[in-house]
Amino acid sequence: MSETKIKFELEKQNKNSVRYKEVPKDGMPPILGSIYVQKWYAGNSKYLEVTVNKVE
């Protein structure tokens, strides 16, 4: 199993959700791009980290 941690920073707030854009590692293209997280969970967080497991 391969595990990757992806960092995101706040991009835009909508009515009920927050959009975060991926901060790619140097020289690498984005893996997920942008993600939407519900406001009740995101709160005032300017940064998020998501762990992705690739199951083979």
C-alpha atoms as a PDB file:
ATOM      1  CA  MET A   1       0.000   0.000   0.000  1.00  0.00           C
ATOM      2  CA  SER A   2       1.314   3.455  -0.941  1.00  0.00           C
ATOM      3  CA  GLU A   3       0.434   6.432   1.287  1.00  0.00           C
ATOM      4  CA  THR A   4       0.693  10.084   0.215  1.00  0.00           C
ATOM      5  CA  LYS A   5      -0.046  13.200   2.276  1.00  0.00           C
ATOM      6  CA  ILE A   6      -1.410  16.104   0.246  1.00  0.00           C
ATOM      7  CA  LYS A   7      -1.476  19.659   1.582  1.00  0.00           C
ATOM      8  CA  PHE A   8      -4.219  22.149   0.721  1.00  0.00           C
ATOM      9  CA  GLU A   9      -4.667  25.881   1.338  1.00  0.00           C
ATOM     10  CA  LEU A  10      -7.854  27.923   1.539  1.00  0.00           C
ATOM     11  CA  GLU A  11      -8.982  29.217  -1.846  1.00  0.00           C
ATOM     12  CA  LYS A  12     -12.616  30.344  -1.497  1.00  0.00           C
ATOM     13  CA  GLN A  13     -15.547  30.207   0.903  1.00  0.00           C
ATOM     14  CA  ASN A  14     -19.022  29.423  -0.391  1.00  0.00           C
ATOM     15  CA  LYS A  15     -22.357  29.414   1.416  1.00  0.00           C
ATOM     16  CA  ASN A  16     -22.035  25.932   2.961  1.00  0.00           C
ATOM     17  CA  SER A  17     -18.588  24.777   1.896  1.00  0.00           C
ATOM     18  CA  VAL A  18     -14.968  25.850   1.579  1.00  0.00           C
ATOM     19  CA  ARG A  19     -12.776  25.236  -1.463  1.00  0.00           C
ATOM     20  CA  TYR A  20      -9.140  24.327  -0.880  1.00  0.00           C
ATOM     21  CA  LYS A  21      -6.487  24.172  -3.591  1.00  0.00           C
ATOM     22  CA  GLU A  22      -3.674  21.668  -3.529  1.00  0.00           C
ATOM     23  CA  VAL A  23      -0.149  22.861  -2.796  1.00  0.00           C
ATOM     24  CA  PRO A  24       1.866  20.587  -5.112  1.00  0.00           C
ATOM     25  CA  LYS A  25       5.326  19.369  -4.165  1.00  0.00           C
ATOM     26  CA  ASP A  26       8.187  21.016  -6.052  1.00  0.00           C
ATOM     27  CA  GLY A  27       8.176  20.087  -9.721  1.00  0.00           C
ATOM     28  CA  MET A  28       5.191  17.726  -9.445  1.00  0.00           C
ATOM     29  CA  PRO A  29       1.715  18.183 -10.940  1.00  0.00           C
ATOM     30  CA  PRO A  30      -1.315  18.245  -8.583  1.00  0.00           C
ATOM     31  CA  ILE A  31      -2.768  14.890  -7.557  1.00  0.00           C
ATOM     32  CA  LEU A  32      -6.297  16.004  -6.589  1.00  0.00           C
ATOM     33  CA  GLY A  33      -6.403  19.698  -7.571  1.00  0.00           C
ATOM     34  CA  SER A  34      -9.164  21.381  -5.561  1.00  0.00           C
ATOM     35  CA  ILE A  35     -11.446  19.885  -2.944  1.00  0.00           C
ATOM     36  CA  TYR A  36     -14.630  21.109  -1.269  1.00  0.00           C
ATOM     37  CA  VAL A  37     -15.089  20.614   2.478  1.00  0.00           C
ATOM     38  CA  GLN A  38     -18.264  21.410   4.398  1.00  0.00           C
ATOM     39  CA  LYS A  39     -18.010  24.540   6.587  1.00  0.00           C
ATOM     40  CA  TRP A  40     -19.131  22.697   9.725  1.00  0.00           C
ATOM     41  CA  TYR A  41     -15.957  20.592   9.473  1.00  0.00           C
ATOM     42  CA  ALA A  42     -13.486  23.079   7.978  1.00  0.00           C
ATOM     43  CA  GLY A  43     -14.234  25.816  10.501  1.00  0.00           C
ATOM     44  CA  ASN A  44     -11.602  28.569  10.216  1.00  0.00           C
ATOM     45  CA  SER A  45      -8.792  26.308   8.982  1.00  0.00           C
ATOM     46  CA  LYS A  46      -6.595  27.959   6.369  1.00  0.00           C
ATOM     47  CA  TYR A  47      -4.786  24.671   5.644  1.00  0.00           C
ATOM     48  CA  LEU A  48      -5.785  20.998   5.423  1.00  0.00           C
ATOM     49  CA  GLU A  49      -3.824  17.813   4.952  1.00  0.00           C
ATOM     50  CA  VAL A  50      -5.371  14.770   3.288  1.00  0.00           C
ATOM     51  CA  THR A  51      -3.871  11.292   3.320  1.00  0.00           C
ATOM     52  CA  VAL A  52      -4.482   9.119   0.253  1.00  0.00           C
ATOM     53  CA  ASN A  53      -3.796   5.381   0.265  1.00  0.00           C
ATOM     54  CA  LYS A  54      -3.256   3.635  -3.049  1.00  0.00           C
ATOM     55  CA  VAL A  55      -4.357   0.028  -2.643  1.00  0.00           C
ATOM     56  CA  GLU A  56      -2.938  -2.363  -5.180  1.00  0.00           C
END
